[in-house]
Amino acid sequence: MVVTTGSPRLQRLRRGVVELYASDHPSDCLTGHTHGECDLAAVAATVGLADVRYGASGRSHLDATKDESNPSFTFDPAECIACSRCVRACDEVQGTFALTIAGRGFGSAVSASAGDSSGPEQVQR
């Protein structure tokens, strides 16, 4: 078996997927104004993405307000790409299922899990 991980077609596909994620993310991340604090910008640089063709006139979460209704974490829809890393961290590091991704597609959002969580750990996104 031959597994190809760096073909031109695969590189175009990767760049396209990252571009879709970046289309609903603050544009200053890709232009370097966040000083390397954004993991998505690092991935975009890895795949060679410098600008985004999508999102200028379509729906986005960029103007959505932060959800601070939960005392344990703040959810900022403009920063979240629903990657589930915070959900996995709650499970694998904290040993709790305190967070989950609620909804599907464009309506996905990190939210408190329906189950009990142990402790008032503060998670900032």
PDB file of N, CA and C in Angstrom:
ATOM      1  N   MET A   1       0.842  -1.170   0.000  1.00  0.00           N
ATOM      2  CA  MET A   1       0.000   0.000   0.000  1.00  0.00           C
ATOM      3  C   MET A   1       0.893   1.240   0.000  1.00  0.00           C
ATOM      4  N   VAL A   2       0.464   2.243  -0.732  1.00  0.00           N
ATOM      5  CA  VAL A   2       1.167   3.516  -0.771  1.00  0.00           C
ATOM      6  C   VAL A   2       0.228   4.585  -0.229  1.00  0.00           C
ATOM      7  N   VAL A   3       0.691   5.304   0.788  1.00  0.00           N
ATOM      8  CA  VAL A   3      -0.093   6.389   1.358  1.00  0.00           C
ATOM      9  C   VAL A   3       0.591   7.699   1.003  1.00  0.00           C
ATOM     10  N   THR A   4      -0.121   8.550   0.304  1.00  0.00           N
ATOM     11  CA  THR A   4       0.424   9.838  -0.101  1.00  0.00           C
ATOM     12  C   THR A   4      -0.144  10.920   0.801  1.00  0.00           C
ATOM     13  N   THR A   5       0.734  11.645   1.478  1.00  0.00           N
ATOM     14  CA  THR A   5       0.273  12.670   2.414  1.00  0.00           C
ATOM     15  C   THR A   5       0.614  14.085   1.979  1.00  0.00           C
ATOM     16  N   GLY A   6       1.253  14.236   0.831  1.00  0.00           N
ATOM     17  CA  GLY A   6       1.667  15.574   0.412  1.00  0.00           C
ATOM     18  C   GLY A   6       1.460  15.858  -1.056  1.00  0.00           C
ATOM     19  N   SER A   7       0.481  15.232  -1.665  1.00  0.00           N
ATOM     20  CA  SER A   7       0.243  15.482  -3.089  1.00  0.00           C
ATOM     21  C   SER A   7      -0.323  16.893  -3.293  1.00  0.00           C
ATOM     22  N   PRO A   8      -0.157  17.458  -4.465  1.00  0.00           N
ATOM     23  CA  PRO A   8      -0.732  18.783  -4.741  1.00  0.00           C
ATOM     24  C   PRO A   8      -2.249  18.830  -4.517  1.00  0.00           C
ATOM     25  N   ARG A   9      -2.948  17.764  -4.889  1.00  0.00           N
ATOM     26  CA  ARG A   9      -4.396  17.733  -4.685  1.00  0.00           C
ATOM     27  C   ARG A   9      -4.736  17.769  -3.202  1.00  0.00           C
ATOM     28  N   LEU A  10      -4.033  16.992  -2.399  1.00  0.00           N
ATOM     29  CA  LEU A  10      -4.276  16.968  -0.966  1.00  0.00           C
ATOM     30  C   LEU A  10      -3.924  18.314  -0.331  1.00  0.00           C
ATOM     31  N   GLN A  11      -2.870  18.939  -0.780  1.00  0.00           N
ATOM     32  CA  GLN A  11      -2.505  20.263  -0.260  1.00  0.00           C
ATOM     33  C   GLN A  11      -3.593  21.295  -0.569  1.00  0.00           C
ATOM     34  N   ARG A  12      -4.183  21.234  -1.778  1.00  0.00           N
ATOM     35  CA  ARG A  12      -5.292  22.139  -2.134  1.00  0.00           C
ATOM     36  C   ARG A  12      -6.500  21.881  -1.240  1.00  0.00           C
ATOM     37  N   LEU A  13      -6.807  20.604  -0.983  1.00  0.00           N
ATOM     38  CA  LEU A  13      -7.932  20.262  -0.128  1.00  0.00           C
ATOM     39  C   LEU A  13      -7.719  20.771   1.299  1.00  0.00           C
ATOM     40  N   ARG A  14      -6.516  20.581   1.825  1.00  0.00           N
ATOM     41  CA  ARG A  14      -6.216  21.069   3.179  1.00  0.00           C
ATOM     42  C   ARG A  14      -6.371  22.587   3.254  1.00  0.00           C
ATOM     43  N   ARG A  15      -5.802  23.280   2.260  1.00  0.00           N
ATOM     44  CA  ARG A  15      -5.895  24.740   2.235  1.00  0.00           C
ATOM     45  C   ARG A  15      -7.357  25.182   2.152  1.00  0.00           C
ATOM     46  N   GLY A  16      -8.174  24.462   1.382  1.00  0.00           N
ATOM     47  CA  GLY A  16      -9.587  24.784   1.260  1.00  0.00           C
ATOM     48  C   GLY A  16     -10.346  24.616   2.564  1.00  0.00           C
ATOM     49  N   VAL A  17     -10.066  23.546   3.296  1.00  0.00           N
ATOM     50  CA  VAL A  17     -10.734  23.312   4.578  1.00  0.00           C
ATOM     51  C   VAL A  17     -10.330  24.393   5.580  1.00  0.00           C
ATOM     52  N   VAL A  18      -9.054  24.711   5.651  1.00  0.00           N
ATOM     53  CA  VAL A  18      -8.589  25.748   6.577  1.00  0.00           C
ATOM     54  C   VAL A  18      -9.179  27.098   6.182  1.00  0.00           C
ATOM     55  N   GLU A  19      -9.313  27.354   4.899  1.00  0.00           N
ATOM     56  CA  GLU A  19      -9.909  28.613   4.441  1.00  0.00           C
ATOM     57  C   GLU A  19     -11.365  28.731   4.886  1.00  0.00           C
ATOM     58  N   LEU A  20     -12.096  27.629   4.855  1.00  0.00           N
ATOM     59  CA  LEU A  20     -13.484  27.654   5.331  1.00  0.00           C
ATOM     60  C   LEU A  20     -13.541  27.942   6.832  1.00  0.00           C
ATOM     61  N   TYR A  21     -12.668  27.312   7.611  1.00  0.00           N
ATOM     62  CA  TYR A  21     -12.608  27.626   9.039  1.00  0.00           C
ATOM     63  C   TYR A  21     -12.269  29.102   9.254  1.00  0.00           C
ATOM     64  N   ALA A  22     -11.275  29.596   8.519  1.00  0.00           N
ATOM     65  CA  ALA A  22     -10.816  30.972   8.690  1.00  0.00           C
ATOM     66  C   ALA A  22     -11.848  31.997   8.231  1.00  0.00           C
ATOM     67  N   SER A  23     -12.775  31.596   7.378  1.00  0.00           N
ATOM     68  CA  SER A  23     -13.785  32.545   6.888  1.00  0.00           C
ATOM     69  C   SER A  23     -14.720  33.012   7.993  1.00  0.00           C
ATOM     70  N   ASP A  24     -14.812  32.266   9.081  1.00  0.00           N
ATOM     71  CA  ASP A  24     -15.661  32.635  10.213  1.00  0.00           C
ATOM     72  C   ASP A  24     -14.795  32.864  11.445  1.00  0.00           C
ATOM     73  N   HIS A  25     -13.685  33.553  11.234  1.00  0.00           N
ATOM     74  CA  HIS A  25     -12.704  33.802  12.291  1.00  0.00           C
ATOM     75  C   HIS A  25     -12.170  35.210  12.092  1.00  0.00           C
ATOM     76  N   PRO A  26     -11.798  35.928  13.147  1.00  0.00           N
ATOM     77  CA  PRO A  26     -11.282  37.289  12.982  1.00  0.00           C
ATOM     78  C   PRO A  26     -10.123  37.348  11.988  1.00  0.00           C
ATOM     79  N   SER A  27     -10.215  38.272  11.046  1.00  0.00           N
ATOM     80  CA  SER A  27      -9.217  38.338   9.969  1.00  0.00           C
ATOM     81  C   SER A  27      -7.838  38.742  10.470  1.00  0.00           C
ATOM     82  N   ASP A  28      -7.747  39.434  11.600  1.00  0.00           N
ATOM     83  CA  ASP A  28      -6.426  39.844  12.078  1.00  0.00           C
ATOM     84  C   ASP A  28      -5.570  38.662  12.503  1.00  0.00           C
ATOM     85  N   CYS A  29      -6.176  37.498  12.697  1.00  0.00           N
ATOM     86  CA  CYS A  29      -5.385  36.308  13.024  1.00  0.00           C
ATOM     87  C   CYS A  29      -4.470  35.926  11.868  1.00  0.00           C
ATOM     88  N   LEU A  30      -4.984  35.975  10.653  1.00  0.00           N
ATOM     89  CA  LEU A  30      -4.179  35.574   9.498  1.00  0.00           C
ATOM     90  C   LEU A  30      -3.167  36.638   9.094  1.00  0.00           C
ATOM     91  N   THR A  31      -3.430  37.893   9.440  1.00  0.00           N
ATOM     92  CA  THR A  31      -2.507  38.956   9.050  1.00  0.00           C
ATOM     93  C   THR A  31      -1.418  39.193  10.082  1.00  0.00           C
ATOM     94  N   GLY A  32      -1.441  38.419  11.179  1.00  0.00           N
ATOM     95  CA  GLY A  32      -0.355  38.491  12.142  1.00  0.00           C
ATOM     96  C   GLY A  32      -0.542  39.463  13.279  1.00  0.00           C
ATOM     97  N   HIS A  33      -1.691  40.108  13.381  1.00  0.00           N
ATOM     98  CA  HIS A  33      -1.891  41.092  14.438  1.00  0.00           C
ATOM     99  C   HIS A  33      -2.117  40.467  15.814  1.00  0.00           C
ATOM    100  N   THR A  34      -2.246  39.162  15.885  1.00  0.00           N
ATOM    101  CA  THR A  34      -2.458  38.509  17.181  1.00  0.00           C
ATOM    102  C   THR A  34      -1.150  37.979  17.764  1.00  0.00           C
ATOM    103  N   HIS A  35      -0.031  38.260  17.110  1.00  0.00           N
ATOM    104  CA  HIS A  35       1.296  37.915  17.613  1.00  0.00           C
ATOM    105  C   HIS A  35       1.460  36.430  17.917  1.00  0.00           C
ATOM    106  N   GLY A  36       0.982  35.563  17.031  1.00  0.00           N
ATOM    107  CA  GLY A  36       1.187  34.136  17.177  1.00  0.00           C
ATOM    108  C   GLY A  36       0.338  33.455  18.216  1.00  0.00           C
ATOM    109  N   GLU A  37      -0.699  34.120  18.707  1.00  0.00           N
ATOM    110  CA  GLU A  37      -1.540  33.534  19.747  1.00  0.00           C
ATOM    111  C   GLU A  37      -2.630  32.631  19.190  1.00  0.00           C
ATOM    112  N   CYS A  38      -2.822  32.605  17.895  1.00  0.00           N
ATOM    113  CA  CYS A  38      -3.926  31.864  17.298  1.00  0.00           C
ATOM    114  C   CYS A  38      -3.415  30.594  16.610  1.00  0.00           C
ATOM    115  N   ASP A  39      -3.883  29.444  17.089  1.00  0.00           N
ATOM    116  CA  ASP A  39      -3.476  28.175  16.486  1.00  0.00           C
ATOM    117  C   ASP A  39      -3.965  28.057  15.050  1.00  0.00           C
ATOM    118  N   LEU A  40      -5.136  28.608  14.746  1.00  0.00           N
ATOM    119  CA  LEU A  40      -5.655  28.550  13.383  1.00  0.00           C
ATOM    120  C   LEU A  40      -4.737  29.307  12.423  1.00  0.00           C
ATOM    121  N   ALA A  41      -4.181  30.429  12.862  1.00  0.00           N
ATOM    122  CA  ALA A  41      -3.248  31.180  12.019  1.00  0.00           C
ATOM    123  C   ALA A  41      -1.996  30.361  11.733  1.00  0.00           C
ATOM    124  N   ALA A  42      -1.539  29.601  12.716  1.00  0.00           N
ATOM    125  CA  ALA A  42      -0.360  28.752  12.517  1.00  0.00           C
ATOM    126  C   ALA A  42      -0.660  27.657  11.504  1.00  0.00           C
ATOM    127  N   VAL A  43      -1.841  27.058  11.583  1.00  0.00           N
ATOM    128  CA  VAL A  43      -2.235  26.036  10.612  1.00  0.00           C
ATOM    129  C   VAL A  43      -2.376  26.664   9.230  1.00  0.00           C
ATOM    130  N   ALA A  44      -2.956  27.859   9.169  1.00  0.00           N
ATOM    131  CA  ALA A  44      -3.111  28.548   7.886  1.00  0.00           C
ATOM    132  C   ALA A  44      -1.752  28.808   7.239  1.00  0.00           C
ATOM    133  N   ALA A  45      -0.784  29.217   8.038  1.00  0.00           N
ATOM    134  CA  ALA A  45       0.560  29.448   7.504  1.00  0.00           C
ATOM    135  C   ALA A  45       1.177  28.147   7.014  1.00  0.00           C
ATOM    136  N   THR A  46       0.935  27.060   7.723  1.00  0.00           N
ATOM    137  CA  THR A  46       1.482  25.756   7.335  1.00  0.00           C
ATOM    138  C   THR A  46       0.959  25.308   5.978  1.00  0.00           C
ATOM    139  N   VAL A  47      -0.316  25.564   5.713  1.00  0.00           N
ATOM    140  CA  VAL A  47      -0.902  25.139   4.432  1.00  0.00           C
ATOM    141  C   VAL A  47      -0.775  26.207   3.355  1.00  0.00           C
ATOM    142  N   GLY A  48      -0.155  27.349   3.685  1.00  0.00           N
ATOM    143  CA  GLY A  48       0.077  28.392   2.693  1.00  0.00           C
ATOM    144  C   GLY A  48      -1.104  29.314   2.458  1.00  0.00           C
ATOM    145  N   LEU A  49      -1.974  29.458   3.442  1.00  0.00           N
ATOM    146  CA  LEU A  49      -3.146  30.323   3.301  1.00  0.00           C
ATOM    147  C   LEU A  49      -2.820  31.710   3.841  1.00  0.00           C
ATOM    148  N   ALA A  50      -2.902  32.714   2.980  1.00  0.00           N
ATOM    149  CA  ALA A  50      -2.605  34.083   3.397  1.00  0.00           C
ATOM    150  C   ALA A  50      -3.854  34.954   3.458  1.00  0.00           C
ATOM    151  N   ASP A  51      -4.850  34.662   2.644  1.00  0.00           N
ATOM    152  CA  ASP A  51      -6.089  35.427   2.677  1.00  0.00           C
ATOM    153  C   ASP A  51      -7.266  34.496   2.417  1.00  0.00           C
ATOM    154  N   VAL A  52      -8.461  34.985   2.711  1.00  0.00           N
ATOM    155  CA  VAL A  52      -9.662  34.171   2.639  1.00  0.00           C
ATOM    156  C   VAL A  52     -10.602  34.757   1.591  1.00  0.00           C
ATOM    157  N   ARG A  53     -11.101  33.908   0.717  1.00  0.00           N
ATOM    158  CA  ARG A  53     -12.021  34.357  -0.336  1.00  0.00           C
ATOM    159  C   ARG A  53     -13.463  34.406   0.125  1.00  0.00           C
ATOM    160  N   TYR A  54     -13.782  33.744   1.223  1.00  0.00           N
ATOM    161  CA  TYR A  54     -15.163  33.600   1.665  1.00  0.00           C
ATOM    162  C   TYR A  54     -15.455  34.454   2.888  1.00  0.00           C
ATOM    163  N   GLY A  55     -16.736  34.624   3.171  1.00  0.00           N
ATOM    164  CA  GLY A  55     -17.150  35.200   4.434  1.00  0.00           C
ATOM    165  C   GLY A  55     -17.377  36.685   4.471  1.00  0.00           C
ATOM    166  N   ALA A  56     -16.927  37.428   3.467  1.00  0.00           N
ATOM    167  CA  ALA A  56     -17.062  38.882   3.525  1.00  0.00           C
ATOM    168  C   ALA A  56     -18.520  39.331   3.542  1.00  0.00           C
ATOM    169  N   SER A  57     -19.368  38.645   2.814  1.00  0.00           N
ATOM    170  CA  SER A  57     -20.764  39.077   2.759  1.00  0.00           C
ATOM    171  C   SER A  57     -21.743  38.030   3.295  1.00  0.00           C
ATOM    172  N   GLY A  58     -21.254  36.877   3.685  1.00  0.00           N
ATOM    173  CA  GLY A  58     -22.127  35.810   4.171  1.00  0.00           C
ATOM    174  C   GLY A  58     -22.306  35.856   5.677  1.00  0.00           C
ATOM    175  N   ARG A  59     -23.019  34.879   6.185  1.00  0.00           N
ATOM    176  CA  ARG A  59     -23.234  34.768   7.628  1.00  0.00           C
ATOM    177  C   ARG A  59     -21.917  34.474   8.333  1.00  0.00           C
ATOM    178  N   SER A  60     -21.771  35.014   9.522  1.00  0.00           N
ATOM    179  CA  SER A  60     -20.586  34.716  10.330  1.00  0.00           C
ATOM    180  C   SER A  60     -20.933  34.922  11.796  1.00  0.00           C
ATOM    181  N   HIS A  61     -20.017  34.515  12.634  1.00  0.00           N
ATOM    182  CA  HIS A  61     -20.158  34.685  14.076  1.00  0.00           C
ATOM    183  C   HIS A  61     -19.319  35.857  14.579  1.00  0.00           C
ATOM    184  N   LEU A  62     -18.733  36.631  13.682  1.00  0.00           N
ATOM    185  CA  LEU A  62     -17.771  37.647  14.083  1.00  0.00           C
ATOM    186  C   LEU A  62     -18.372  38.752  14.942  1.00  0.00           C
ATOM    187  N   ASP A  63     -19.635  39.069  14.754  1.00  0.00           N
ATOM    188  CA  ASP A  63     -20.280  40.119  15.545  1.00  0.00           C
ATOM    189  C   ASP A  63     -21.106  39.553  16.694  1.00  0.00           C
ATOM    190  N   ALA A  64     -21.080  38.250  16.881  1.00  0.00           N
ATOM    191  CA  ALA A  64     -21.860  37.629  17.954  1.00  0.00           C
ATOM    192  C   ALA A  64     -21.272  37.996  19.311  1.00  0.00           C
ATOM    193  N   THR A  65     -22.128  38.130  20.281  1.00  0.00           N
ATOM    194  CA  THR A  65     -21.664  38.480  21.619  1.00  0.00           C
ATOM    195  C   THR A  65     -21.177  37.232  22.363  1.00  0.00           C
ATOM    196  N   LYS A  66     -20.265  37.455  23.286  1.00  0.00           N
ATOM    197  CA  LYS A  66     -19.768  36.365  24.117  1.00  0.00           C
ATOM    198  C   LYS A  66     -20.887  35.887  25.022  1.00  0.00           C
ATOM    199  N   ASP A  67     -20.937  34.583  25.226  1.00  0.00           N
ATOM    200  CA  ASP A  67     -21.903  33.991  26.145  1.00  0.00           C
ATOM    201  C   ASP A  67     -21.205  33.790  27.481  1.00  0.00           C
ATOM    202  N   GLU A  68     -21.554  34.607  28.448  1.00  0.00           N
ATOM    203  CA  GLU A  68     -20.953  34.522  29.776  1.00  0.00           C
ATOM    204  C   GLU A  68     -21.976  34.039  30.803  1.00  0.00           C
ATOM    205  N   SER A  69     -23.007  33.333  30.318  1.00  0.00           N
ATOM    206  CA  SER A  69     -24.083  32.895  31.207  1.00  0.00           C
ATOM    207  C   SER A  69     -23.677  31.738  32.116  1.00  0.00           C
ATOM    208  N   ASN A  70     -22.649  30.994  31.746  1.00  0.00           N
ATOM    209  CA  ASN A  70     -22.194  29.884  32.575  1.00  0.00           C
ATOM    210  C   ASN A  70     -21.074  30.377  33.491  1.00  0.00           C
ATOM    211  N   PRO A  71     -21.146  30.109  34.776  1.00  0.00           N
ATOM    212  CA  PRO A  71     -20.096  30.590  35.690  1.00  0.00           C
ATOM    213  C   PRO A  71     -18.747  29.899  35.503  1.00  0.00           C
ATOM    214  N   SER A  72     -18.713  28.793  34.780  1.00  0.00           N
ATOM    215  CA  SER A  72     -17.471  28.031  34.645  1.00  0.00           C
ATOM    216  C   SER A  72     -16.663  28.355  33.395  1.00  0.00           C
ATOM    217  N   PHE A  73     -17.282  28.936  32.381  1.00  0.00           N
ATOM    218  CA  PHE A  73     -16.532  29.279  31.177  1.00  0.00           C
ATOM    219  C   PHE A  73     -17.257  30.354  30.387  1.00  0.00           C
ATOM    220  N   THR A  74     -16.492  31.041  29.544  1.00  0.00           N
ATOM    221  CA  THR A  74     -17.032  32.034  28.625  1.00  0.00           C
ATOM    222  C   THR A  74     -16.882  31.491  27.221  1.00  0.00           C
ATOM    223  N   PHE A  75     -17.963  31.548  26.442  1.00  0.00           N
ATOM    224  CA  PHE A  75     -17.927  31.074  25.063  1.00  0.00           C
ATOM    225  C   PHE A  75     -17.947  32.270  24.128  1.00  0.00           C
ATOM    226  N   ASP A  76     -16.918  32.401  23.294  1.00  0.00           N
ATOM    227  CA  ASP A  76     -16.833  33.479  22.313  1.00  0.00           C
ATOM    228  C   ASP A  76     -16.980  32.873  20.929  1.00  0.00           C
ATOM    229  N   PRO A  77     -18.161  33.007  20.308  1.00  0.00           N
ATOM    230  CA  PRO A  77     -18.391  32.388  19.003  1.00  0.00           C
ATOM    231  C   PRO A  77     -17.497  32.933  17.888  1.00  0.00           C
ATOM    232  N   ALA A  78     -16.951  34.124  18.057  1.00  0.00           N
ATOM    233  CA  ALA A  78     -16.059  34.673  17.038  1.00  0.00           C
ATOM    234  C   ALA A  78     -14.709  33.975  17.036  1.00  0.00           C
ATOM    235  N   GLU A  79     -14.313  33.398  18.139  1.00  0.00           N
ATOM    236  CA  GLU A  79     -13.015  32.736  18.249  1.00  0.00           C
ATOM    237  C   GLU A  79     -13.087  31.225  18.070  1.00  0.00           C
ATOM    238  N   CYS A  80     -14.253  30.638  18.263  1.00  0.00           N
ATOM    239  CA  CYS A  80     -14.399  29.179  18.275  1.00  0.00           C
ATOM    240  C   CYS A  80     -14.607  28.624  16.863  1.00  0.00           C
ATOM    241  N   ILE A  81     -13.910  27.543  16.540  1.00  0.00           N
ATOM    242  CA  ILE A  81     -14.121  26.854  15.269  1.00  0.00           C
ATOM    243  C   ILE A  81     -14.710  25.463  15.497  1.00  0.00           C
ATOM    244  N   ALA A  82     -15.220  25.220  16.691  1.00  0.00           N
ATOM    245  CA  ALA A  82     -15.854  23.946  17.064  1.00  0.00           C
ATOM    246  C   ALA A  82     -14.931  22.752  16.809  1.00  0.00           C
ATOM    247  N   CYS A  83     -13.669  22.903  17.208  1.00  0.00           N
ATOM    248  CA  CYS A  83     -12.685  21.834  17.012  1.00  0.00           C
ATOM    249  C   CYS A  83     -12.761  20.761  18.090  1.00  0.00           C
ATOM    250  N   SER A  84     -13.445  21.040  19.171  1.00  0.00           N
ATOM    251  CA  SER A  84     -13.647  20.109  20.285  1.00  0.00           C
ATOM    252  C   SER A  84     -12.424  19.907  21.166  1.00  0.00           C
ATOM    253  N   ARG A  85     -11.381  20.701  21.004  1.00  0.00           N
ATOM    254  CA  ARG A  85     -10.199  20.527  21.866  1.00  0.00           C
ATOM    255  C   ARG A  85     -10.527  20.788  23.321  1.00  0.00           C
ATOM    256  N   CYS A  86     -11.353  21.791  23.596  1.00  0.00           N
ATOM    257  CA  CYS A  86     -11.705  22.074  24.993  1.00  0.00           C
ATOM    258  C   CYS A  86     -12.576  20.963  25.568  1.00  0.00           C
ATOM    259  N   VAL A  87     -13.416  20.370  24.728  1.00  0.00           N
ATOM    260  CA  VAL A  87     -14.257  19.253  25.170  1.00  0.00           C
ATOM    261  C   VAL A  87     -13.369  18.060  25.512  1.00  0.00           C
ATOM    262  N   ARG A  88     -12.401  17.764  24.650  1.00  0.00           N
ATOM    263  CA  ARG A  88     -11.481  16.653  24.912  1.00  0.00           C
ATOM    264  C   ARG A  88     -10.631  16.910  26.145  1.00  0.00           C
ATOM    265  N   ALA A  89     -10.202  18.158  26.351  1.00  0.00           N
ATOM    266  CA  ALA A  89      -9.399  18.486  27.532  1.00  0.00           C
ATOM    267  C   ALA A  89     -10.189  18.253  28.809  1.00  0.00           C
ATOM    268  N   CYS A  90     -11.455  18.617  28.798  1.00  0.00           N
ATOM    269  CA  CYS A  90     -12.293  18.361  29.982  1.00  0.00           C
ATOM    270  C   CYS A  90     -12.355  16.867  30.272  1.00  0.00           C
ATOM    271  N   ASP A  91     -12.448  16.086  29.234  1.00  0.00           N
ATOM    272  CA  ASP A  91     -12.535  14.638  29.400  1.00  0.00           C
ATOM    273  C   ASP A  91     -11.183  14.040  29.774  1.00  0.00           C
ATOM    274  N   GLU A  92     -10.156  14.290  28.958  1.00  0.00           N
ATOM    275  CA  GLU A  92      -8.881  13.603  29.111  1.00  0.00           C
ATOM    276  C   GLU A  92      -7.987  14.176  30.203  1.00  0.00           C
ATOM    277  N   VAL A  93      -8.034  15.494  30.438  1.00  0.00           N
ATOM    278  CA  VAL A  93      -7.173  16.113  31.430  1.00  0.00           C
ATOM    279  C   VAL A  93      -7.890  16.246  32.772  1.00  0.00           C
ATOM    280  N   GLN A  94      -9.079  16.789  32.733  1.00  0.00           N
ATOM    281  CA  GLN A  94      -9.830  16.998  33.971  1.00  0.00           C
ATOM    282  C   GLN A  94     -10.581  15.749  34.424  1.00  0.00           C
ATOM    283  N   GLY A  95     -10.838  14.839  33.504  1.00  0.00           N
ATOM    284  CA  GLY A  95     -11.581  13.640  33.853  1.00  0.00           C
ATOM    285  C   GLY A  95     -13.068  13.881  34.024  1.00  0.00           C
ATOM    286  N   THR A  96     -13.541  14.954  33.425  1.00  0.00           N
ATOM    287  CA  THR A  96     -14.971  15.279  33.505  1.00  0.00           C
ATOM    288  C   THR A  96     -15.528  15.394  32.096  1.00  0.00           C
ATOM    289  N   PHE A  97     -16.812  15.379  31.994  1.00  0.00           N
ATOM    290  CA  PHE A  97     -17.485  15.645  30.722  1.00  0.00           C
ATOM    291  C   PHE A  97     -18.263  16.946  30.884  1.00  0.00           C
ATOM    292  N   ALA A  98     -17.581  17.991  31.356  1.00  0.00           N
ATOM    293  CA  ALA A  98     -18.238  19.251  31.685  1.00  0.00           C
ATOM    294  C   ALA A  98     -18.657  20.037  30.456  1.00  0.00           C
ATOM    295  N   LEU A  99     -17.962  19.851  29.335  1.00  0.00           N
ATOM    296  CA  LEU A  99     -18.273  20.591  28.118  1.00  0.00           C
ATOM    297  C   LEU A  99     -18.690  19.646  27.009  1.00  0.00           C
ATOM    298  N   THR A 100     -19.464  20.172  26.095  1.00  0.00           N
ATOM    299  CA  THR A 100     -19.876  19.429  24.910  1.00  0.00           C
ATOM    300  C   THR A 100     -20.072  20.412  23.767  1.00  0.00           C
ATOM    301  N   ILE A 101     -20.174  19.917  22.563  1.00  0.00           N
ATOM    302  CA  ILE A 101     -20.541  20.751  21.424  1.00  0.00           C
ATOM    303  C   ILE A 101     -22.029  20.554  21.206  1.00  0.00           C
ATOM    304  N   ALA A 102     -22.791  21.609  21.384  1.00  0.00           N
ATOM    305  CA  ALA A 102     -24.244  21.554  21.185  1.00  0.00           C
ATOM    306  C   ALA A 102     -24.561  22.071  19.792  1.00  0.00           C
ATOM    307  N   GLY A 103     -25.534  21.477  19.158  1.00  0.00           N
ATOM    308  CA  GLY A 103     -25.928  21.909  17.821  1.00  0.00           C
ATOM    309  C   GLY A 103     -25.080  21.275  16.747  1.00  0.00           C
ATOM    310  N   ARG A 104     -25.404  21.616  15.517  1.00  0.00           N
ATOM    311  CA  ARG A 104     -24.685  21.070  14.370  1.00  0.00           C
ATOM    312  C   ARG A 104     -24.428  22.182  13.370  1.00  0.00           C
ATOM    313  N   GLY A 105     -23.400  21.998  12.571  1.00  0.00           N
ATOM    314  CA  GLY A 105     -23.109  22.949  11.501  1.00  0.00           C
ATOM    315  C   GLY A 105     -22.844  24.352  12.020  1.00  0.00           C
ATOM    316  N   PHE A 106     -23.419  25.347  11.340  1.00  0.00           N
ATOM    317  CA  PHE A 106     -23.193  26.750  11.675  1.00  0.00           C
ATOM    318  C   PHE A 106     -23.653  27.073  13.089  1.00  0.00           C
ATOM    319  N   GLY A 107     -24.629  26.343  13.609  1.00  0.00           N
ATOM    320  CA  GLY A 107     -25.159  26.586  14.939  1.00  0.00           C
ATOM    321  C   GLY A 107     -24.405  25.899  16.059  1.00  0.00           C
ATOM    322  N   SER A 108     -23.286  25.226  15.767  1.00  0.00           N
ATOM    323  CA  SER A 108     -22.512  24.534  16.798  1.00  0.00           C
ATOM    324  C   SER A 108     -21.942  25.527  17.802  1.00  0.00           C
ATOM    325  N   ALA A 109     -21.976  25.134  19.067  1.00  0.00           N
ATOM    326  CA  ALA A 109     -21.425  25.983  20.120  1.00  0.00           C
ATOM    327  C   ALA A 109     -20.985  25.120  21.290  1.00  0.00           C
ATOM    328  N   VAL A 110     -19.916  25.536  21.938  1.00  0.00           N
ATOM    329  CA  VAL A 110     -19.480  24.863  23.156  1.00  0.00           C
ATOM    330  C   VAL A 110     -20.484  25.218  24.243  1.00  0.00           C
ATOM    331  N   SER A 111     -20.909  24.220  24.990  1.00  0.00           N
ATOM    332  CA  SER A 111     -21.846  24.479  26.078  1.00  0.00           C
ATOM    333  C   SER A 111     -21.564  23.513  27.216  1.00  0.00           C
ATOM    334  N   ALA A 112     -22.166  23.809  28.341  1.00  0.00           N
ATOM    335  CA  ALA A 112     -22.028  22.922  29.493  1.00  0.00           C
ATOM    336  C   ALA A 112     -22.720  21.611  29.172  1.00  0.00           C
ATOM    337  N   SER A 113     -22.096  20.522  29.562  1.00  0.00           N
ATOM    338  CA  SER A 113     -22.658  19.208  29.329  1.00  0.00           C
ATOM    339  C   SER A 113     -23.873  19.004  30.220  1.00  0.00           C
ATOM    340  N   ALA A 114     -24.765  18.117  29.816  1.00  0.00           N
ATOM    341  CA  ALA A 114     -25.951  17.821  30.615  1.00  0.00           C
ATOM    342  C   ALA A 114     -25.595  17.079  31.891  1.00  0.00           C
ATOM    343  N   GLY A 115     -24.440  16.395  31.904  1.00  0.00           N
ATOM    344  CA  GLY A 115     -24.005  15.654  33.087  1.00  0.00           C
ATOM    345  C   GLY A 115     -23.381  16.568  34.118  1.00  0.00           C
ATOM    346  N   ASP A 116     -23.127  16.033  35.300  1.00  0.00           N
ATOM    347  CA  ASP A 116     -22.486  16.799  36.355  1.00  0.00           C
ATOM    348  C   ASP A 116     -21.016  16.985  36.055  1.00  0.00           C
ATOM    349  N   SER A 117     -20.500  18.138  36.406  1.00  0.00           N
ATOM    350  CA  SER A 117     -19.053  18.354  36.331  1.00  0.00           C
ATOM    351  C   SER A 117     -18.548  18.456  37.766  1.00  0.00           C
ATOM    352  N   SER A 118     -17.301  18.110  37.962  1.00  0.00           N
ATOM    353  CA  SER A 118     -16.774  18.157  39.327  1.00  0.00           C
ATOM    354  C   SER A 118     -15.897  19.379  39.487  1.00  0.00           C
ATOM    355  N   GLY A 119     -16.426  20.391  40.111  1.00  0.00           N
ATOM    356  CA  GLY A 119     -15.613  21.568  40.430  1.00  0.00           C
ATOM    357  C   GLY A 119     -15.869  22.747  39.524  1.00  0.00           C
ATOM    358  N   PRO A 120     -15.577  23.935  40.031  1.00  0.00           N
ATOM    359  CA  PRO A 120     -15.833  25.168  39.293  1.00  0.00           C
ATOM    360  C   PRO A 120     -14.618  25.650  38.511  1.00  0.00           C
ATOM    361  N   GLU A 121     -13.968  24.768  37.778  1.00  0.00           N
ATOM    362  CA  GLU A 121     -12.802  25.178  36.997  1.00  0.00           C
ATOM    363  C   GLU A 121     -13.202  26.242  35.990  1.00  0.00           C
ATOM    364  N   GLN A 122     -12.380  27.253  35.831  1.00  0.00           N
ATOM    365  CA  GLN A 122     -12.660  28.359  34.923  1.00  0.00           C
ATOM    366  C   GLN A 122     -11.997  28.073  33.586  1.00  0.00           C
ATOM    367  N   VAL A 123     -12.766  27.893  32.537  1.00  0.00           N
ATOM    368  CA  VAL A 123     -12.237  27.640  31.204  1.00  0.00           C
ATOM    369  C   VAL A 123     -12.539  28.850  30.347  1.00  0.00           C
ATOM    370  N   GLN A 124     -11.519  29.487  29.822  1.00  0.00           N
ATOM    371  CA  GLN A 124     -11.693  30.657  28.965  1.00  0.00           C
ATOM    372  C   GLN A 124     -11.389  30.289  27.528  1.00  0.00           C
ATOM    373  N   ARG A 125     -12.264  30.671  26.585  1.00  0.00           N
ATOM    374  CA  ARG A 125     -12.058  30.438  25.164  1.00  0.00           C
ATOM    375  C   ARG A 125     -11.872  31.763  24.493  1.00  0.00           C
TER     376      ARG A 125
END
